[in-house]
Amino acid sequence: MHRLCLFSILLTWVAQSNAVAQPLEVAFSIQDDLLTWFSVDDPNIQNTITVIGLPSTLEGNALAYDSDNQRLLFVHGNTLVNRTIYSVDLSGITLSATGTVNAGWATNLGTMSFDGPREVYGGSFYNGSYYVLIDGTDSLRRVSFDAAGVINNQTNINLPGVRDMFLGDIAFAANGDLWIAGFNQYGGTPDHDRLWRYSTTDGGDSFEYQQTIEPAGDRYNGIFFDVTGVDLYGYRYNTTQGHYSSINTTTGVPEFIYSGSPFTQGGDLTNGFFIGVVVPEPTSALMLVTGLGCLFGRRRRAQA
């Protein structure tokens, strides 16, 4: 047993010493107080971060990645009049595929207020501003920042038409097109699923309706664009449990990639971005498995 422990420690050290940080395209998911990152191409590569200074009962919503300041943005609370907007700085952070990383302190950026209790779900970042969808309306809240990343303005933007978007995540493409996923009826069924697309010609001050797609199956609980802003991804978890897919932007049809955590419950997604991630070298994992196999083989032969 003593030799087994020493051997395991040695192999663990070898694996850790061969682990290297490499740029990887990731996106983040939020479910209440759980912040999970995953590889856009292969969500089997994933882990979590911890953050100091958030409410112990955080109800995280409207997650977005602020590419100007390399930080996550999200709000606290479901149906509230006032919501705190938090940020988590990711500059200088290296993620790890083998363990949770502490990202330090969250920053309270200010409050998002409404005339009455409102739910906000989807969030996205575009052209220097943070956008959230006000649930059950055709309106966005736009939060703008100064050069230091401090909030300097908040405005409501009406989306043309009467479409009543419920429980929708949102995502911006590189060309400024705004995509919204959700129901067009409260408590909707698959018959009420929609993907809406809007365009902007003034940098996100106003939007024009372009199309509605009614994909088969349950709504997409979360959607995002990759780092190029061209390829759309999302997941469903109701009848197609935890299915993460690329999404055809013409038909809304998914092409399956992965099933499992963190796509097994509701949660918002950020757009994709590159960040350093420590991923163990394949040779290290092979050495670990082979070494333990040889050791256990020797022990079995000795006991025979």
Protein backbone atom coordinates (compact mmCIF):
# COMPACT_ATOMS: atom_id res chain seq x y z
CA MET A 1 0.00 0.00 0.00
CA HIS A 2 2.88 2.34 0.85
CA ARG A 3 4.51 1.73 -2.55
CA LEU A 4 1.13 2.31 -4.24
CA CYS A 5 0.72 5.71 -2.55
CA LEU A 6 4.27 6.76 -3.44
CA PHE A 7 3.78 5.63 -7.03
CA SER A 8 0.47 7.51 -7.32
CA ILE A 9 2.05 10.67 -5.93
CA LEU A 10 4.95 10.38 -8.38
CA LEU A 11 2.64 9.89 -11.36
CA THR A 12 0.42 12.79 -10.26
CA TRP A 13 3.51 15.01 -10.03
CA VAL A 14 4.65 13.95 -13.49
CA ALA A 15 1.19 14.66 -14.92
CA GLN A 16 1.05 18.09 -13.27
CA SER A 17 4.58 19.02 -14.32
CA ASN A 18 3.75 18.21 -17.96
CA ALA A 19 0.51 20.23 -17.90
CA VAL A 20 0.79 23.32 -20.07
CA ALA A 21 -1.31 26.45 -20.56
CA GLN A 22 -2.54 26.92 -24.09
CA PRO A 23 -5.00 29.32 -25.71
CA LEU A 24 -8.40 27.67 -25.99
CA GLU A 25 -11.71 29.00 -27.26
CA VAL A 26 -14.19 28.75 -24.41
CA ALA A 27 -17.61 30.02 -23.42
CA PHE A 28 -19.12 30.37 -19.95
CA SER A 29 -22.43 29.18 -18.52
CA ILE A 30 -24.16 30.46 -15.38
CA GLN A 31 -26.64 28.51 -13.25
CA ASP A 32 -27.46 30.41 -10.07
CA ASP A 33 -24.02 30.81 -8.43
CA LEU A 34 -22.22 28.24 -10.60
CA LEU A 35 -19.92 29.61 -13.30
CA THR A 36 -18.76 26.88 -15.66
CA TRP A 37 -16.47 27.28 -18.65
CA PHE A 38 -16.26 24.77 -21.49
CA SER A 39 -14.40 24.29 -24.75
CA VAL A 40 -16.55 25.45 -27.65
CA ASP A 41 -15.35 22.57 -29.82
CA ASP A 42 -15.27 19.88 -27.13
CA PRO A 43 -17.26 20.53 -23.92
CA ASN A 44 -15.71 17.41 -22.40
CA ILE A 45 -12.97 19.92 -21.59
CA GLN A 46 -14.57 22.05 -18.89
CA ASN A 47 -14.39 23.17 -15.28
CA THR A 48 -15.59 25.92 -12.96
CA ILE A 49 -14.36 29.10 -11.33
CA THR A 50 -15.09 30.42 -7.87
CA VAL A 51 -15.66 34.09 -7.15
CA ILE A 52 -15.42 36.00 -3.88
CA GLY A 53 -17.95 38.61 -2.82
CA LEU A 54 -21.12 37.34 -4.47
CA PRO A 55 -24.39 36.78 -2.56
CA SER A 56 -24.56 33.34 -0.99
CA THR A 57 -27.92 32.85 -2.72
CA LEU A 58 -26.91 34.31 -6.08
CA GLU A 59 -29.52 33.91 -8.82
CA GLY A 60 -27.25 34.57 -11.76
CA ASN A 61 -28.84 35.68 -15.02
CA ALA A 62 -28.06 37.51 -18.27
CA LEU A 63 -24.46 36.31 -18.54
CA ALA A 64 -22.22 37.99 -21.12
CA TYR A 65 -18.51 38.35 -21.89
CA ASP A 66 -17.23 41.93 -22.11
CA SER A 67 -14.49 41.58 -24.72
CA ASP A 68 -13.36 45.19 -24.21
CA ASN A 69 -12.47 44.63 -20.55
CA GLN A 70 -11.97 40.83 -20.51
CA ARG A 71 -14.63 40.26 -17.87
CA LEU A 72 -17.87 38.41 -17.27
CA LEU A 73 -21.05 40.43 -16.73
CA PHE A 74 -24.25 39.17 -15.09
CA VAL A 75 -27.08 40.26 -12.84
CA HIS A 76 -28.47 38.92 -9.57
CA GLY A 77 -32.12 38.05 -9.10
CA ASN A 78 -35.14 36.76 -10.97
CA THR A 79 -38.31 38.87 -10.64
CA LEU A 80 -37.05 42.08 -9.03
CA VAL A 81 -37.35 45.84 -9.43
CA ASN A 82 -33.64 46.44 -8.78
CA ARG A 83 -30.82 44.14 -9.84
CA THR A 84 -27.15 44.37 -9.02
CA ILE A 85 -24.83 44.11 -12.02
CA TYR A 86 -21.64 42.17 -11.27
CA SER A 87 -18.42 41.73 -13.18
CA VAL A 88 -15.64 39.15 -12.82
CA ASP A 89 -12.25 40.10 -14.22
CA LEU A 90 -10.67 37.33 -16.29
CA SER A 91 -7.59 39.25 -17.44
CA GLY A 92 -4.51 37.45 -16.18
CA ILE A 93 -6.55 34.37 -15.21
CA THR A 94 -5.46 30.95 -16.42
CA LEU A 95 -8.18 28.32 -16.32
CA SER A 96 -7.54 24.67 -15.53
CA ALA A 97 -9.19 21.62 -17.03
CA THR A 98 -8.25 19.62 -13.95
CA GLY A 99 -9.45 21.88 -11.14
CA THR A 100 -11.49 24.88 -10.08
CA VAL A 101 -9.74 28.25 -10.31
CA ASN A 102 -10.41 31.15 -7.94
CA ALA A 103 -11.03 34.25 -10.04
CA GLY A 104 -10.83 36.63 -7.08
CA TRP A 105 -13.33 39.29 -6.12
CA ALA A 106 -16.46 40.22 -8.04
CA THR A 107 -17.07 43.91 -8.69
CA ASN A 108 -20.42 45.55 -8.05
CA LEU A 109 -20.88 47.79 -11.09
CA GLY A 110 -24.22 49.28 -10.08
CA THR A 111 -27.94 48.60 -10.32
CA MET A 112 -30.34 47.85 -13.13
CA SER A 113 -33.78 49.19 -12.16
CA PHE A 114 -37.27 48.84 -13.62
CA ASP A 115 -40.65 50.46 -12.97
CA GLY A 116 -41.94 47.16 -11.55
CA PRO A 117 -40.73 43.60 -10.97
CA ARG A 118 -39.19 42.28 -14.16
CA GLU A 119 -37.32 39.15 -15.14
CA VAL A 120 -34.23 39.40 -17.32
CA TYR A 121 -32.64 36.34 -18.81
CA GLY A 122 -30.40 36.54 -21.83
CA GLY A 123 -27.38 38.80 -21.92
CA SER A 124 -24.81 39.65 -24.59
CA PHE A 125 -22.12 42.25 -25.29
CA TYR A 126 -21.82 44.30 -28.45
CA ASN A 127 -20.00 47.45 -29.53
CA GLY A 128 -18.98 48.41 -26.00
CA SER A 129 -22.38 47.82 -24.37
CA TYR A 130 -24.08 45.12 -22.31
CA TYR A 131 -27.57 44.13 -23.48
CA VAL A 132 -30.23 42.12 -21.65
CA LEU A 133 -33.67 40.99 -22.79
CA ILE A 134 -36.57 42.07 -20.58
CA ASP A 135 -38.69 38.93 -20.30
CA GLY A 136 -42.15 38.93 -21.87
CA THR A 137 -41.63 42.22 -23.70
CA ASP A 138 -40.15 43.40 -26.96
CA SER A 139 -37.55 45.48 -25.16
CA LEU A 140 -33.84 45.41 -24.41
CA ARG A 141 -31.95 47.18 -21.65
CA ARG A 142 -28.65 48.60 -22.89
CA VAL A 143 -25.93 49.33 -20.33
CA SER A 144 -23.06 51.49 -21.62
CA PHE A 145 -19.61 51.97 -20.10
CA ASP A 146 -16.88 54.61 -20.17
CA ALA A 147 -13.25 53.91 -21.06
CA ALA A 148 -12.60 52.66 -17.53
CA GLY A 149 -15.43 50.12 -17.70
CA VAL A 150 -17.71 52.12 -15.38
CA ILE A 151 -21.43 52.36 -16.18
CA ASN A 152 -22.23 55.76 -17.67
CA ASN A 153 -25.69 55.21 -19.16
CA GLN A 154 -28.68 52.84 -19.30
CA THR A 155 -31.42 52.96 -21.92
CA ASN A 156 -34.38 50.82 -22.99
CA ILE A 157 -34.58 49.87 -26.66
CA ASN A 158 -37.87 48.76 -28.17
CA LEU A 159 -37.73 45.95 -30.71
CA PRO A 160 -40.21 46.50 -33.57
CA GLY A 161 -43.32 44.34 -33.68
CA VAL A 162 -45.24 42.48 -30.98
CA ARG A 163 -43.55 39.14 -30.41
CA ASP A 164 -43.50 38.74 -26.61
CA MET A 165 -40.18 36.98 -26.06
CA PHE A 166 -40.22 34.83 -22.95
CA LEU A 167 -37.28 33.12 -21.26
CA GLY A 168 -34.91 34.04 -24.05
CA ASP A 169 -31.14 33.97 -24.20
CA ILE A 170 -29.60 36.44 -26.65
CA ALA A 171 -26.41 36.56 -28.70
CA PHE A 172 -24.78 39.05 -31.06
CA ALA A 173 -23.15 38.00 -34.31
CA ALA A 174 -20.06 39.83 -35.58
CA ASN A 175 -22.16 41.78 -38.10
CA GLY A 176 -24.37 43.16 -35.33
CA ASP A 177 -27.28 40.81 -35.89
CA LEU A 178 -29.08 40.10 -32.63
CA TRP A 179 -30.40 36.57 -32.14
CA ILE A 180 -32.99 35.73 -29.48
CA ALA A 181 -34.08 32.24 -28.43
CA GLY A 182 -37.22 31.53 -26.45
CA PHE A 183 -40.99 31.15 -26.46
CA ASN A 184 -43.54 33.57 -27.86
CA GLN A 185 -45.92 32.64 -25.02
CA TYR A 186 -45.46 32.38 -21.27
CA GLY A 187 -45.01 28.74 -20.27
CA GLY A 188 -44.79 27.89 -23.95
CA THR A 189 -44.59 24.46 -25.52
CA PRO A 190 -42.46 23.40 -28.51
CA ASP A 191 -45.18 24.89 -30.71
CA HIS A 192 -44.18 28.29 -29.36
CA ASP A 193 -40.42 27.95 -29.90
CA ARG A 194 -38.76 30.77 -31.77
CA LEU A 195 -35.41 32.03 -32.93
CA TRP A 196 -35.68 35.72 -33.77
CA ARG A 197 -33.11 37.71 -35.72
CA TYR A 198 -32.75 41.49 -35.73
CA SER A 199 -30.19 43.70 -37.43
CA THR A 200 -28.69 47.07 -36.54
CA THR A 201 -27.16 49.74 -38.76
CA ASP A 202 -26.34 52.27 -36.05
CA GLY A 203 -24.07 50.30 -33.73
CA GLY A 204 -26.82 48.89 -31.52
CA ASP A 205 -28.91 52.01 -30.86
CA SER A 206 -31.90 50.52 -32.68
CA PHE A 207 -32.84 47.26 -34.40
CA GLU A 208 -34.88 46.08 -37.35
CA TYR A 209 -36.72 42.77 -37.52
CA GLN A 210 -35.30 40.32 -40.06
CA GLN A 211 -36.75 36.84 -39.56
CA THR A 212 -38.33 34.28 -37.26
CA ILE A 213 -37.32 30.63 -37.29
CA GLU A 214 -39.49 27.96 -35.68
CA PRO A 215 -37.15 25.02 -35.06
CA ALA A 216 -38.47 21.57 -34.25
CA GLY A 217 -38.25 20.48 -30.63
CA ASP A 218 -37.90 22.46 -27.43
CA ARG A 219 -36.57 25.97 -27.29
CA TYR A 220 -32.87 26.65 -27.07
CA ASN A 221 -32.20 27.43 -23.42
CA GLY A 222 -28.91 29.10 -24.24
CA ILE A 223 -27.31 30.37 -27.44
CA PHE A 224 -24.01 32.02 -28.34
CA PHE A 225 -21.70 32.80 -31.24
CA ASP A 226 -18.16 31.55 -31.48
CA VAL A 227 -15.18 33.90 -31.41
CA THR A 228 -15.58 34.67 -35.13
CA GLY A 229 -19.13 35.84 -34.54
CA VAL A 230 -20.32 33.65 -37.42
CA ASP A 231 -21.10 30.17 -36.07
CA LEU A 232 -24.11 29.84 -33.74
CA TYR A 233 -24.24 27.28 -30.91
CA GLY A 234 -26.81 26.42 -28.27
CA TYR A 235 -28.41 23.74 -26.15
CA ARG A 236 -31.76 22.28 -25.20
CA TYR A 237 -32.42 20.41 -21.99
CA ASN A 238 -36.17 19.72 -21.83
CA THR A 239 -36.93 16.78 -24.12
CA THR A 240 -33.45 16.49 -25.62
CA GLN A 241 -31.68 16.37 -22.27
CA GLY A 242 -28.50 18.41 -22.23
CA HIS A 243 -27.95 18.44 -25.99
CA TYR A 244 -25.28 20.98 -27.02
CA SER A 245 -25.15 21.60 -30.77
CA SER A 246 -24.16 23.90 -33.55
CA ILE A 247 -27.25 25.60 -34.97
CA ASN A 248 -28.07 26.11 -38.63
CA THR A 249 -28.91 29.82 -38.87
CA THR A 250 -31.22 29.23 -41.84
CA THR A 251 -33.35 26.41 -40.47
CA GLY A 252 -32.65 26.45 -36.73
CA VAL A 253 -31.83 22.74 -36.90
CA PRO A 254 -29.15 21.58 -34.42
CA GLU A 255 -26.14 19.42 -35.26
CA PHE A 256 -25.37 17.42 -32.13
CA ILE A 257 -21.93 17.81 -30.51
CA TYR A 258 -22.17 16.84 -26.84
CA SER A 259 -24.58 15.85 -24.07
CA GLY A 260 -24.14 16.47 -20.36
CA SER A 261 -23.13 19.16 -17.87
CA PRO A 262 -23.47 22.15 -17.86
CA PHE A 263 -26.35 21.81 -20.33
CA THR A 264 -28.71 19.83 -18.12
CA GLN A 265 -30.51 22.83 -16.63
CA GLY A 266 -31.39 26.38 -17.58
CA GLY A 267 -28.61 28.92 -17.85
CA ASP A 268 -27.22 31.69 -20.03
CA LEU A 269 -24.12 31.43 -22.20
CA THR A 270 -21.44 33.92 -23.22
CA ASN A 271 -20.06 34.29 -26.71
CA GLY A 272 -16.84 32.40 -27.36
CA PHE A 273 -13.41 33.88 -26.62
CA PHE A 274 -9.81 32.74 -26.22
CA ILE A 275 -8.17 32.34 -22.82
CA GLY A 276 -5.25 30.36 -21.43
CA VAL A 277 -6.25 26.91 -20.16
CA VAL A 278 -4.02 24.36 -18.46
CA VAL A 279 -4.69 21.03 -20.11
CA PRO A 280 -2.68 17.92 -19.14
CA GLU A 281 -0.50 16.51 -21.89
CA PRO A 282 -1.98 13.28 -23.31
CA THR A 283 1.29 11.52 -22.56
CA SER A 284 0.88 12.30 -18.88
CA ALA A 285 -2.55 10.71 -18.73
CA LEU A 286 -1.24 7.71 -20.66
CA MET A 287 1.64 7.32 -18.24
CA LEU A 288 -0.72 7.49 -15.29
CA VAL A 289 -3.07 4.82 -16.63
CA THR A 290 -0.27 2.54 -17.86
CA GLY A 291 1.74 2.91 -14.67
CA LEU A 292 -1.17 2.09 -12.39
CA GLY A 293 -2.10 -0.85 -14.62
CA CYS A 294 1.40 -2.28 -14.35
CA LEU A 295 1.48 -1.75 -10.59
CA PHE A 296 -1.86 -3.45 -10.02
CA GLY A 297 -0.77 -6.26 -12.35
CA ARG A 298 2.35 -6.83 -10.31
CA ARG A 299 0.36 -6.82 -7.07
CA ARG A 300 -2.10 -9.39 -8.43
CA ARG A 301 0.70 -11.67 -9.57
CA ALA A 302 2.41 -11.35 -6.18
CA GLN A 303 -0.82 -12.28 -4.39
CA ALA A 304 -1.56 -15.28 -6.64
